[in-house]
Protein backbone atom coordinates (compact mmCIF):
# COMPACT_ATOMS: atom_id res chain seq x y z
CA MET A 1 -59.97 -19.04 -4.76
CA ARG A 2 -59.92 -20.15 -8.39
CA LYS A 3 -56.58 -21.43 -9.60
CA PRO A 4 -55.16 -19.42 -12.56
CA GLN A 5 -55.41 -21.25 -15.87
CA PRO A 6 -52.73 -21.33 -18.57
CA PHE A 7 -53.39 -19.29 -21.69
CA ARG A 8 -51.94 -19.23 -25.18
CA ARG A 9 -52.04 -16.52 -27.86
CA GLU A 10 -53.80 -17.65 -31.01
CA SER A 11 -52.34 -15.26 -33.58
CA ILE A 12 -49.90 -12.44 -34.31
CA ARG A 13 -50.11 -9.73 -36.95
CA VAL A 14 -47.38 -9.74 -39.58
CA ALA A 15 -46.60 -6.10 -38.83
CA THR A 16 -46.09 -6.94 -35.14
CA LEU A 17 -43.82 -9.86 -36.03
CA ILE A 18 -41.64 -7.66 -38.26
CA GLU A 19 -41.41 -5.02 -35.53
CA ARG A 20 -40.29 -7.60 -32.96
CA LEU A 21 -37.73 -9.04 -35.34
CA ARG A 22 -36.22 -5.58 -35.64
CA GLU A 23 -36.40 -4.56 -31.99
CA ARG A 24 -35.83 -7.81 -30.08
CA ALA A 25 -33.78 -9.93 -32.48
CA GLY A 26 -31.91 -7.09 -34.18
CA VAL A 27 -32.88 -8.31 -37.65
CA GLU A 28 -32.58 -5.87 -40.52
CA ILE A 29 -35.73 -6.49 -42.54
CA GLU A 30 -37.54 -4.22 -44.97
CA PRO A 31 -40.63 -4.44 -47.22
CA SER A 32 -39.94 -5.67 -50.75
CA GLY A 33 -43.46 -5.10 -52.08
CA GLY A 34 -46.29 -2.62 -51.82
CA ILE A 35 -48.72 -4.49 -49.54
CA ASP A 36 -49.50 -3.15 -46.07
CA PRO A 37 -48.97 -6.08 -43.63
CA SER A 38 -51.17 -4.60 -40.87
CA ASP A 39 -54.17 -6.82 -41.61
CA ARG A 40 -52.23 -10.03 -42.28
CA VAL A 41 -52.32 -12.59 -39.46
CA ILE A 42 -50.07 -15.55 -38.57
CA ARG A 43 -51.72 -18.36 -36.60
CA VAL A 44 -48.90 -20.92 -36.26
CA ARG A 45 -45.45 -20.79 -34.66
CA HIS A 46 -43.61 -22.72 -37.39
CA VAL A 47 -41.87 -21.50 -40.55
CA HIS A 48 -41.59 -23.10 -43.97
CA ARG A 49 -39.36 -23.18 -47.06
CA PRO A 50 -41.71 -23.92 -50.03
CA GLY A 51 -39.21 -25.57 -52.37
CA LEU A 52 -41.49 -28.53 -53.18
CA VAL A 53 -44.46 -26.26 -53.85
CA LEU A 54 -42.42 -24.22 -56.32
CA ALA A 55 -41.46 -27.49 -58.00
CA GLY A 56 -45.13 -28.48 -58.32
CA TYR A 57 -45.83 -30.74 -55.31
CA THR A 58 -48.53 -29.14 -53.17
CA GLU A 59 -49.72 -32.05 -51.00
CA HIS A 60 -49.48 -31.27 -47.27
CA PHE A 61 -48.32 -27.72 -47.97
CA GLU A 62 -48.33 -25.71 -44.73
CA HIS A 63 -49.49 -22.50 -46.38
CA GLN A 64 -50.47 -20.79 -43.10
CA ARG A 65 -46.81 -20.53 -42.08
CA VAL A 66 -44.34 -17.74 -42.86
CA GLN A 67 -42.75 -18.70 -46.18
CA ILE A 68 -38.95 -18.34 -46.51
CA LEU A 69 -37.24 -17.99 -49.90
CA GLY A 70 -33.48 -18.42 -49.64
CA ASN A 71 -30.74 -18.76 -52.24
CA THR A 72 -31.96 -22.15 -53.47
CA GLU A 73 -35.59 -21.11 -53.99
CA CYS A 74 -34.71 -17.79 -55.65
CA ARG A 75 -32.19 -19.37 -58.01
CA PHE A 76 -34.68 -22.12 -58.85
CA LEU A 77 -37.27 -19.50 -59.84
CA ALA A 78 -34.69 -17.73 -62.01
CA TRP A 79 -33.73 -21.06 -63.61
CA LEU A 80 -37.27 -21.83 -64.80
CA GLU A 81 -38.04 -20.99 -68.43
CA ASP A 82 -40.82 -18.53 -67.60
CA GLY A 83 -38.75 -16.85 -64.93
CA GLY A 84 -40.67 -18.62 -62.20
CA VAL A 85 -44.01 -16.94 -62.91
CA GLU A 86 -46.16 -20.08 -62.76
CA ALA A 87 -44.28 -21.54 -59.80
CA PHE A 88 -44.57 -18.32 -57.80
CA ARG A 89 -48.22 -17.90 -58.78
CA ARG A 90 -48.81 -21.45 -57.48
CA LEU A 91 -47.33 -20.45 -54.12
CA LEU A 92 -49.35 -17.23 -53.90
CA ALA A 93 -52.59 -19.08 -54.68
CA PHE A 94 -52.45 -20.59 -51.18
CA ASP A 95 -52.48 -17.05 -49.68
CA PRO A 96 -49.57 -17.39 -47.22
CA PRO A 97 -49.42 -14.69 -44.50
CA CYS A 98 -46.14 -13.29 -45.91
CA VAL A 99 -43.00 -14.20 -47.85
CA VAL A 100 -39.48 -13.34 -46.65
CA LEU A 101 -36.46 -13.23 -48.98
CA THR A 102 -33.26 -13.97 -47.06
CA THR A 103 -29.57 -13.31 -47.87
CA ASP A 104 -30.62 -10.04 -49.57
CA ASN A 105 -32.23 -11.88 -52.47
CA ARG A 106 -34.55 -9.92 -54.76
CA LEU A 107 -37.39 -11.09 -56.97
CA PRO A 108 -37.86 -9.78 -60.51
CA ASN A 109 -40.41 -6.98 -60.83
CA GLU A 110 -42.84 -9.35 -62.52
CA LEU A 111 -42.91 -11.68 -59.51
CA ALA A 112 -43.13 -8.80 -57.04
CA THR A 113 -46.14 -7.51 -58.98
CA LEU A 114 -47.79 -10.93 -58.70
CA ALA A 115 -47.37 -10.77 -54.90
CA ASP A 116 -48.91 -7.29 -54.78
CA GLU A 117 -51.85 -8.43 -56.88
CA ALA A 118 -52.38 -11.45 -54.59
CA GLY A 119 -52.19 -9.24 -51.49
CA VAL A 120 -49.22 -11.14 -50.01
CA PRO A 121 -46.58 -8.94 -48.30
CA LEU A 122 -42.97 -9.42 -49.38
CA PHE A 123 -39.99 -8.71 -47.11
CA ARG A 124 -36.24 -8.77 -47.68
CA THR A 125 -33.42 -9.27 -45.17
CA PRO A 126 -29.62 -9.53 -45.59
CA THR A 127 -29.52 -12.18 -42.85
CA PRO A 128 -28.61 -15.67 -44.16
CA THR A 129 -31.43 -18.20 -44.28
CA VAL A 130 -30.51 -20.53 -41.42
CA PRO A 131 -29.70 -17.82 -38.83
CA PHE A 132 -32.81 -15.87 -39.84
CA MET A 133 -35.05 -18.91 -39.43
CA GLY A 134 -33.58 -19.48 -35.97
CA LEU A 135 -34.31 -15.89 -34.92
CA LEU A 136 -37.78 -16.03 -36.45
CA ARG A 137 -38.58 -19.25 -34.59
CA ASP A 138 -37.44 -17.67 -31.31
CA VAL A 139 -39.78 -14.71 -31.76
CA LEU A 140 -42.72 -16.91 -32.76
CA ASP A 141 -42.06 -19.34 -29.90
CA ASP A 142 -42.06 -16.45 -27.41
CA HIS A 143 -45.41 -15.26 -28.72
CA PHE A 144 -47.22 -18.60 -29.03
CA SER A 145 -45.79 -20.34 -25.94
CA GLU A 146 -48.21 -21.34 -23.19
CA GLN A 147 -48.18 -18.91 -20.26
CA LEU A 148 -49.42 -18.87 -16.68
CA THR A 149 -49.79 -16.06 -14.16
CA VAL A 150 -48.20 -17.11 -10.85
CA HIS A 151 -48.61 -15.25 -7.56
CA GLY A 152 -45.16 -15.08 -6.01
CA SER A 153 -41.68 -13.56 -6.21
CA LEU A 154 -38.92 -14.74 -8.56
CA VAL A 155 -35.32 -14.12 -7.53
CA ASP A 156 -32.03 -15.16 -9.12
CA VAL A 157 -29.99 -16.60 -6.22
CA TYR A 158 -26.47 -17.76 -7.19
CA GLY A 159 -27.75 -18.29 -10.73
CA ILE A 160 -30.71 -20.42 -9.63
CA GLY A 161 -34.23 -19.12 -10.23
CA LEU A 162 -36.13 -19.44 -6.93
CA LEU A 163 -39.88 -18.93 -7.16
CA LEU A 164 -41.15 -17.92 -3.70
CA THR A 165 -44.83 -18.79 -3.26
CA GLY A 166 -47.24 -18.68 -0.36
CA ALA A 167 -50.36 -17.03 0.97
CA ALA A 168 -50.81 -13.26 0.71
CA GLY A 169 -49.02 -11.44 3.52
CA ILE A 170 -46.71 -14.36 4.36
CA GLY A 171 -43.60 -12.27 3.59
CA LYS A 172 -42.57 -13.23 0.05
CA SER A 173 -41.75 -9.66 -0.97
CA GLU A 174 -39.79 -9.03 2.24
CA MET A 175 -37.76 -12.21 1.63
CA ALA A 176 -37.11 -11.17 -1.97
CA LEU A 177 -36.05 -7.70 -0.81
CA ASP A 178 -33.68 -9.19 1.76
CA LEU A 179 -32.13 -11.40 -0.94
CA VAL A 180 -31.65 -8.36 -3.19
CA GLU A 181 -29.97 -6.51 -0.32
CA ARG A 182 -27.59 -9.49 0.03
CA GLY A 183 -26.53 -9.15 -3.61
CA HIS A 184 -29.01 -11.33 -5.48
CA ARG A 185 -31.22 -10.23 -8.37
CA LEU A 186 -34.96 -9.62 -8.52
CA VAL A 187 -36.82 -10.82 -11.59
CA ALA A 188 -40.43 -10.17 -10.61
CA ASP A 189 -42.50 -9.56 -7.50
CA ASP A 190 -46.15 -10.39 -6.79
CA VAL A 191 -47.01 -11.33 -10.40
CA VAL A 192 -44.72 -13.71 -12.28
CA MET A 193 -45.45 -14.56 -15.91
CA ALA A 194 -44.37 -18.18 -16.39
CA THR A 195 -43.75 -19.25 -20.01
CA ARG A 196 -42.97 -22.77 -21.15
CA LYS A 197 -39.98 -22.85 -23.49
CA GLY A 198 -39.32 -26.24 -25.03
CA ALA A 199 -39.25 -29.48 -23.09
CA GLY A 200 -38.77 -29.08 -19.35
CA VAL A 201 -37.96 -25.34 -19.32
CA VAL A 202 -40.17 -22.71 -17.69
CA MET A 203 -39.07 -19.08 -17.95
CA GLY A 204 -40.29 -16.39 -15.58
CA ALA A 205 -40.58 -12.64 -16.08
CA GLY A 206 -42.47 -9.68 -14.70
CA THR A 207 -45.23 -7.68 -16.35
CA ASP A 208 -44.56 -4.46 -18.24
CA LEU A 209 -46.55 -2.52 -15.64
CA GLY A 210 -45.02 -3.95 -12.47
CA GLU A 211 -41.47 -4.36 -13.76
CA HIS A 212 -39.07 -4.42 -10.75
CA PHE A 213 -41.48 -2.56 -8.48
CA MET A 214 -42.24 -4.14 -5.11
CA GLU A 215 -45.05 -3.63 -2.61
CA ILE A 216 -43.82 -3.79 0.98
CA ARG A 217 -46.68 -3.85 3.45
CA GLY A 218 -46.48 -0.87 5.79
CA LEU A 219 -44.06 0.94 3.49
CA GLY A 220 -45.67 1.00 0.05
CA ILE A 221 -44.23 0.75 -3.45
CA ILE A 222 -40.47 0.78 -3.98
CA ASP A 223 -38.43 0.74 -7.20
CA VAL A 224 -35.69 -1.89 -6.84
CA LYS A 225 -33.79 -0.77 -9.94
CA ALA A 226 -33.70 2.88 -8.83
CA MET A 227 -32.79 1.99 -5.26
CA PHE A 228 -30.21 -0.79 -5.70
CA GLY A 229 -29.07 -0.26 -9.29
CA VAL A 230 -29.08 -2.38 -12.40
CA ARG A 231 -26.99 -5.11 -10.72
CA ALA A 232 -30.02 -5.96 -8.54
CA ILE A 233 -32.40 -6.90 -11.36
CA ARG A 234 -32.80 -9.08 -14.38
CA TYR A 235 -35.66 -9.22 -16.86
CA GLN A 236 -36.16 -12.96 -17.12
CA LYS A 237 -34.88 -16.14 -15.51
CA ARG A 238 -35.53 -19.83 -15.74
CA ILE A 239 -37.65 -21.08 -12.83
CA GLU A 240 -35.71 -23.98 -11.33
CA VAL A 241 -36.92 -24.42 -7.73
CA VAL A 242 -40.28 -23.60 -6.13
CA VAL A 243 -40.07 -22.55 -2.46
CA SER A 244 -43.47 -22.82 -0.78
CA ILE A 245 -43.56 -20.61 2.35
CA HIS A 246 -46.15 -21.22 5.07
CA PRO A 247 -46.46 -20.95 8.87
CA TRP A 248 -45.16 -23.86 10.93
CA ASP A 249 -47.79 -26.57 11.28
CA GLU A 250 -47.22 -29.28 13.89
CA ASP A 251 -49.46 -31.67 11.96
CA GLU A 252 -47.49 -31.24 8.71
CA GLU A 253 -44.84 -33.78 7.64
CA TYR A 254 -41.59 -31.98 6.84
CA THR A 255 -38.64 -33.68 5.25
CA ARG A 256 -35.70 -34.08 7.62
CA ILE A 257 -33.17 -35.79 5.35
CA GLY A 258 -34.24 -34.88 1.80
CA MET A 259 -34.21 -38.39 0.35
CA VAL A 260 -37.64 -37.87 -1.23
CA THR A 261 -37.89 -34.92 -3.60
CA GLU A 262 -41.30 -33.30 -3.92
CA THR A 263 -42.28 -31.50 -7.11
CA GLU A 264 -44.78 -28.93 -8.29
CA SER A 265 -46.15 -28.84 -11.80
CA ILE A 266 -46.05 -25.53 -13.68
CA LEU A 267 -47.28 -25.66 -17.27
CA GLY A 268 -46.75 -29.42 -17.27
CA VAL A 269 -43.13 -29.20 -16.11
CA GLU A 270 -42.31 -30.87 -12.78
CA LEU A 271 -40.09 -28.53 -10.73
CA PRO A 272 -38.38 -29.34 -7.40
CA LEU A 273 -40.51 -28.14 -4.48
CA VAL A 274 -39.18 -27.12 -1.07
CA LYS A 275 -41.77 -26.62 1.68
CA LEU A 276 -40.32 -24.00 3.98
CA PRO A 277 -42.11 -23.55 7.33
CA ILE A 278 -41.44 -20.22 9.00
CA THR A 279 -41.36 -19.34 12.70
CA PRO A 280 -40.36 -16.13 14.51
CA GLY A 281 -36.60 -15.63 14.37
CA LYS A 282 -35.99 -18.10 11.56
CA ASN A 283 -33.46 -16.76 9.02
CA VAL A 284 -35.37 -17.73 5.89
CA THR A 285 -33.16 -15.61 3.62
CA VAL A 286 -30.07 -17.66 4.44
CA ILE A 287 -32.12 -20.83 4.02
CA CYS A 288 -33.11 -19.65 0.52
CA GLU A 289 -29.42 -19.19 -0.31
CA VAL A 290 -28.73 -22.71 0.96
CA ILE A 291 -31.62 -24.07 -1.14
CA ALA A 292 -30.03 -22.53 -4.23
CA MET A 293 -26.53 -23.84 -3.40
CA ASN A 294 -27.91 -27.29 -2.60
CA HIS A 295 -29.65 -27.33 -5.99
CA LEU A 296 -26.34 -26.42 -7.62
CA LEU A 297 -24.59 -29.28 -5.82
CA ARG A 298 -27.22 -31.73 -7.04
CA HIS A 299 -26.96 -30.34 -10.55
CA TYR A 300 -23.23 -31.08 -10.53
CA GLY A 301 -23.77 -34.62 -9.25
CA TYR A 302 -23.42 -34.32 -5.46
CA ASP A 303 -26.45 -35.10 -3.30
CA PRO A 304 -25.82 -34.49 0.44
CA ALA A 305 -28.68 -36.80 1.45
CA GLU A 306 -27.27 -39.61 -0.69
CA ALA A 307 -23.76 -39.00 0.67
CA PHE A 308 -25.01 -39.16 4.26
CA SER A 309 -27.03 -42.32 3.51
CA ALA A 310 -23.97 -43.98 1.94
CA ARG A 311 -21.85 -43.09 4.99
CA LEU A 312 -24.52 -44.50 7.29
CA ARG A 313 -24.71 -47.76 5.33
CA GLU A 314 -20.92 -48.05 5.39
CA ARG A 315 -20.85 -47.57 9.16
CA ILE A 316 -23.54 -50.22 9.70
CA GLU A 317 -21.76 -52.70 7.45
CA ARG A 318 -18.43 -52.09 9.18
CA LYS A 319 -19.96 -52.88 12.56
CA THR A 320 -17.99 -50.65 14.89
CA SER A 321 -15.90 -52.60 17.44
CA ASP A 322 -16.93 -52.79 21.09
CA ASP A 323 -13.94 -50.64 22.10
CA SER A 324 -15.45 -47.60 20.43
CA ALA A 325 -19.10 -48.40 21.02
CA GLY A 326 -21.00 -45.41 22.36
CA ARG A 327 -18.23 -42.90 21.63
CA GLY A 328 -18.77 -40.22 18.97
CA ILE A 329 -15.06 -39.22 18.79
CA ASN A 330 -12.14 -41.48 19.64
CA TRP A 331 -9.20 -39.12 19.16
CA PHE A 332 -8.98 -35.42 19.99
CA GLU A 333 -5.62 -34.80 18.26
CA ASN A 334 -4.04 -33.35 21.45
CA ASP A 335 -6.44 -30.46 21.42
CA PHE A 336 -6.88 -29.56 25.08
CA GLU A 337 -8.04 -25.96 24.64
């Protein structure tokens, strides 16, 4: 079976970006010119403030980015003798995908007309420049981030995102359902969309079609949100531990102490990997809860394997006296029950 390959979106329409800013980021943003943004396309995830271009320096100008005009740029245009006509015409000559005026700034009618003639959409928002740029970067990062389709179930267990993987029919959905019944939260089942966010962070979410639906073999499709309520779901979660489920194999080496941590790479990020062999009667749901709690302990600086190893070294160095050799417990504290 061919391994799924990561994919990345190459562009986003300006109209789609504006719609997502309104709906997802809650940004109040309206057109400030007469150009329809439907055919305008953005091909990069970064944003730009073109102060140097307005001042006349155009070397290395990233014209393909969304251009932001804040208080400084707008006041500079107003300060120029010609009202900023030549400076703004210089910017428009590079045909940027769109220009956004922040902090409710407005351009004179003459400059707005220049933008319409150049076919560059103008937008205006009351949001201050720095917060707006942060929200805009978040939306663009979400769209342009590298993604990967992963076959598995993603569950939030004690705040830790456990990605349950394994062969088809191994019982991933049943394990996820059992965890939900025990009070944990389902993120996605069967198809998990993994998205790399920044350095070392992989987010997981379900698809729009299969959102919080589960297929249980022998039963069919169930709706987790309708059955267990909103407390049993969440829409996205950081993937922090990969739990690989497979039948017990006598020839396989399984860790007994946990001194060596295995990892699995997802979108170039190395995530802790736990190989979980299953046998009839094994309570894998409780083990998944322990995996999550053990990860929390390690996150807060306590490693049980290291603590046991340190205790073992201490006992060896102490060299137990002959009087207690061979005895596991030397004092029963008068407990004769």
